N, C-alpha and C. Protein backbone atom coordinates (compact mmCIF):
# COMPACT_ATOMS: atom_id res chain seq x y z
N UNK A 1 -38.29 -36.06 146.98
CA UNK A 1 -39.04 -34.85 147.26
C UNK A 1 -40.51 -35.09 146.92
N UNK A 2 -41.38 -34.78 147.84
CA UNK A 2 -42.81 -34.95 147.57
C UNK A 2 -43.37 -33.83 146.69
N UNK A 3 -44.41 -34.16 145.97
CA UNK A 3 -45.12 -33.21 145.12
C UNK A 3 -46.32 -32.69 145.90
N UNK A 4 -46.41 -31.37 146.07
CA UNK A 4 -47.50 -30.76 146.80
C UNK A 4 -48.26 -29.79 145.91
N UNK A 5 -49.56 -29.69 146.15
CA UNK A 5 -50.39 -28.71 145.46
C UNK A 5 -50.57 -27.49 146.35
N UNK A 6 -50.55 -26.31 145.74
CA UNK A 6 -50.68 -25.06 146.48
C UNK A 6 -51.64 -24.12 145.77
N UNK A 7 -52.21 -23.19 146.54
CA UNK A 7 -52.99 -22.07 146.00
C UNK A 7 -52.35 -20.80 146.56
N UNK A 8 -52.06 -19.86 145.67
CA UNK A 8 -51.44 -18.60 146.05
C UNK A 8 -52.53 -17.65 146.55
N UNK A 9 -52.32 -17.05 147.73
CA UNK A 9 -53.28 -16.10 148.30
C UNK A 9 -53.23 -14.76 147.58
N UNK A 10 -52.11 -14.44 146.93
CA UNK A 10 -51.95 -13.16 146.26
C UNK A 10 -52.62 -13.15 144.88
N UNK A 11 -52.31 -14.15 144.04
CA UNK A 11 -52.84 -14.15 142.66
C UNK A 11 -53.90 -15.22 142.42
N UNK A 12 -54.21 -16.05 143.42
CA UNK A 12 -55.25 -17.07 143.38
C UNK A 12 -54.99 -18.15 142.33
N UNK A 13 -53.73 -18.41 142.00
CA UNK A 13 -53.38 -19.49 141.05
C UNK A 13 -53.16 -20.78 141.83
N UNK A 14 -53.49 -21.92 141.21
CA UNK A 14 -53.19 -23.23 141.77
C UNK A 14 -52.06 -23.85 140.97
N UNK A 15 -51.15 -24.53 141.68
CA UNK A 15 -50.00 -25.15 141.02
C UNK A 15 -49.46 -26.25 141.91
N UNK A 16 -48.58 -27.09 141.34
CA UNK A 16 -47.92 -28.16 142.08
C UNK A 16 -46.42 -27.93 142.04
N UNK A 17 -45.74 -28.25 143.14
CA UNK A 17 -44.30 -28.10 143.24
C UNK A 17 -43.68 -29.29 143.94
N UNK A 18 -42.48 -29.65 143.53
CA UNK A 18 -41.67 -30.59 144.29
C UNK A 18 -40.96 -29.78 145.37
N UNK A 19 -41.18 -30.14 146.64
CA UNK A 19 -40.69 -29.30 147.72
C UNK A 19 -39.94 -30.15 148.75
N UNK A 20 -38.75 -29.71 149.11
CA UNK A 20 -38.03 -30.32 150.22
C UNK A 20 -38.57 -29.75 151.53
N UNK A 21 -38.37 -30.48 152.60
CA UNK A 21 -38.85 -30.04 153.90
C UNK A 21 -38.22 -28.71 154.29
N UNK A 22 -36.97 -28.52 153.94
CA UNK A 22 -36.24 -27.31 154.33
C UNK A 22 -36.53 -26.10 153.44
N UNK A 23 -37.23 -26.30 152.31
CA UNK A 23 -37.50 -25.21 151.37
C UNK A 23 -38.79 -24.46 151.73
N UNK A 24 -38.83 -23.18 151.40
CA UNK A 24 -40.04 -22.39 151.48
C UNK A 24 -40.52 -22.17 150.05
N UNK A 25 -41.66 -22.77 149.68
CA UNK A 25 -42.12 -22.64 148.30
C UNK A 25 -42.62 -21.23 147.99
N UNK A 26 -42.52 -20.85 146.72
CA UNK A 26 -43.00 -19.55 146.25
C UNK A 26 -43.83 -19.77 144.99
N UNK A 27 -44.79 -18.90 144.78
CA UNK A 27 -45.66 -18.97 143.61
C UNK A 27 -44.83 -18.73 142.35
N UNK A 28 -44.94 -19.62 141.35
CA UNK A 28 -44.18 -19.42 140.11
C UNK A 28 -44.71 -18.24 139.28
N UNK A 29 -45.94 -17.79 139.54
CA UNK A 29 -46.52 -16.70 138.77
C UNK A 29 -46.12 -15.34 139.32
N UNK A 30 -46.33 -15.16 140.65
CA UNK A 30 -46.08 -13.83 141.23
C UNK A 30 -44.94 -13.79 142.24
N UNK A 31 -44.42 -14.95 142.65
CA UNK A 31 -43.31 -15.00 143.59
C UNK A 31 -43.70 -14.92 145.05
N UNK A 32 -44.97 -14.83 145.35
CA UNK A 32 -45.44 -14.72 146.73
C UNK A 32 -45.19 -16.02 147.49
N UNK A 33 -44.94 -15.91 148.79
CA UNK A 33 -44.79 -17.08 149.65
C UNK A 33 -46.03 -17.29 150.52
N UNK A 34 -47.08 -16.52 150.28
CA UNK A 34 -48.34 -16.67 151.02
C UNK A 34 -49.17 -17.74 150.31
N UNK A 35 -48.89 -19.01 150.63
CA UNK A 35 -49.50 -20.15 149.95
C UNK A 35 -50.31 -20.99 150.91
N UNK A 36 -51.34 -21.61 150.38
CA UNK A 36 -52.14 -22.58 151.12
C UNK A 36 -51.90 -23.93 150.49
N UNK A 37 -51.50 -24.90 151.31
CA UNK A 37 -51.28 -26.25 150.77
C UNK A 37 -52.62 -26.91 150.58
N UNK A 38 -52.84 -27.49 149.40
CA UNK A 38 -54.10 -28.13 149.05
C UNK A 38 -54.08 -29.60 149.42
N UNK A 39 -55.27 -30.15 149.65
CA UNK A 39 -55.40 -31.58 149.91
C UNK A 39 -55.30 -32.30 148.58
N UNK A 40 -54.45 -33.31 148.52
CA UNK A 40 -54.24 -34.06 147.28
C UNK A 40 -55.43 -34.95 146.99
N UNK A 41 -55.72 -35.09 145.72
CA UNK A 41 -56.76 -36.02 145.29
C UNK A 41 -56.15 -37.41 145.17
N UNK A 42 -56.91 -38.45 145.45
CA UNK A 42 -56.36 -39.79 145.29
C UNK A 42 -56.10 -40.08 143.81
N UNK A 43 -55.07 -40.84 143.55
CA UNK A 43 -54.73 -41.21 142.18
C UNK A 43 -55.76 -42.20 141.65
N UNK A 44 -56.15 -42.09 140.39
CA UNK A 44 -57.10 -43.05 139.83
C UNK A 44 -56.47 -44.43 139.73
N UNK A 45 -57.30 -45.43 139.65
CA UNK A 45 -56.81 -46.79 139.54
C UNK A 45 -55.97 -46.92 138.27
N UNK A 46 -54.87 -47.64 138.37
CA UNK A 46 -53.94 -47.76 137.26
C UNK A 46 -54.55 -48.39 136.02
N UNK A 47 -54.20 -47.85 134.86
CA UNK A 47 -54.65 -48.40 133.59
C UNK A 47 -53.46 -48.69 132.70
N UNK A 48 -52.28 -48.70 133.25
CA UNK A 48 -51.09 -48.78 132.41
C UNK A 48 -51.00 -50.08 131.62
N UNK A 49 -51.48 -51.19 132.18
CA UNK A 49 -51.38 -52.45 131.46
C UNK A 49 -52.17 -52.39 130.15
N UNK A 50 -53.38 -51.85 130.21
CA UNK A 50 -54.20 -51.72 129.01
C UNK A 50 -53.60 -50.74 128.02
N UNK A 51 -53.04 -49.64 128.53
CA UNK A 51 -52.42 -48.65 127.65
C UNK A 51 -51.20 -49.23 126.94
N UNK A 52 -50.40 -50.00 127.67
CA UNK A 52 -49.22 -50.61 127.08
C UNK A 52 -49.63 -51.61 126.00
N UNK A 53 -50.65 -52.41 126.28
CA UNK A 53 -51.09 -53.40 125.30
C UNK A 53 -51.61 -52.72 124.04
N UNK A 54 -52.39 -51.65 124.18
CA UNK A 54 -52.90 -50.99 122.99
C UNK A 54 -51.79 -50.28 122.22
N UNK A 55 -50.81 -49.71 122.93
CA UNK A 55 -49.69 -49.05 122.25
C UNK A 55 -48.84 -50.07 121.50
N UNK A 56 -48.65 -51.24 122.10
CA UNK A 56 -47.87 -52.28 121.43
C UNK A 56 -48.61 -52.83 120.22
N UNK A 57 -49.92 -52.97 120.33
CA UNK A 57 -50.70 -53.45 119.18
C UNK A 57 -50.63 -52.46 118.02
N UNK A 58 -50.71 -51.17 118.34
CA UNK A 58 -50.60 -50.15 117.29
C UNK A 58 -49.20 -50.17 116.68
N UNK A 59 -48.18 -50.29 117.51
CA UNK A 59 -46.81 -50.34 117.00
C UNK A 59 -46.61 -51.56 116.09
N UNK A 60 -47.19 -52.68 116.48
CA UNK A 60 -47.07 -53.89 115.67
C UNK A 60 -47.75 -53.69 114.32
N UNK A 61 -48.91 -53.03 114.31
CA UNK A 61 -49.61 -52.76 113.04
C UNK A 61 -48.77 -51.85 112.15
N UNK A 62 -48.02 -50.94 112.76
CA UNK A 62 -47.21 -49.98 112.00
C UNK A 62 -45.82 -50.51 111.71
N UNK A 63 -45.45 -51.65 112.30
CA UNK A 63 -44.15 -52.24 112.05
C UNK A 63 -43.03 -51.73 112.94
N UNK A 64 -43.35 -51.12 114.06
CA UNK A 64 -42.33 -50.62 114.99
C UNK A 64 -42.24 -51.57 116.18
N UNK A 65 -41.09 -52.18 116.35
CA UNK A 65 -40.91 -53.13 117.45
C UNK A 65 -39.78 -52.73 118.37
N UNK A 66 -39.28 -51.52 118.30
CA UNK A 66 -38.11 -51.14 119.08
C UNK A 66 -38.37 -51.11 120.57
N UNK A 67 -39.62 -50.92 121.01
CA UNK A 67 -39.90 -50.85 122.44
C UNK A 67 -40.31 -52.21 123.02
N UNK A 68 -40.22 -53.26 122.23
CA UNK A 68 -40.51 -54.61 122.70
C UNK A 68 -39.23 -55.24 123.25
N UNK A 69 -39.37 -56.14 124.21
CA UNK A 69 -38.26 -56.94 124.66
C UNK A 69 -37.97 -58.02 123.61
N UNK A 70 -36.79 -58.62 123.65
CA UNK A 70 -36.44 -59.64 122.64
C UNK A 70 -37.45 -60.79 122.62
N UNK A 71 -37.92 -61.20 123.81
CA UNK A 71 -38.85 -62.32 123.87
C UNK A 71 -40.24 -61.95 123.33
N UNK A 72 -40.55 -60.66 123.23
CA UNK A 72 -41.86 -60.22 122.78
C UNK A 72 -41.91 -59.92 121.28
N UNK A 73 -40.76 -59.84 120.65
CA UNK A 73 -40.73 -59.49 119.22
C UNK A 73 -41.19 -60.68 118.39
N UNK A 74 -41.93 -60.41 117.32
CA UNK A 74 -42.35 -61.52 116.45
C UNK A 74 -41.15 -62.13 115.72
N UNK A 75 -41.27 -63.39 115.44
CA UNK A 75 -40.14 -64.07 114.77
C UNK A 75 -40.37 -64.20 113.30
């Protein structure tokens, strides 16, 4: 199911919903089906590799190795 952004014409709230093609989405705030589908913003360039490395370094400093693979754990 794709994730779509919507703006409600009744209460002017913006929100995102997972929507099937066969479903008619409704505003989670007021229940209205008078919605405008918004243009999605492009996703920012991935930073997960750097985030994982910094999280692992912090975990190593604190002595937590449970999220490491066996080959990555210190001996």
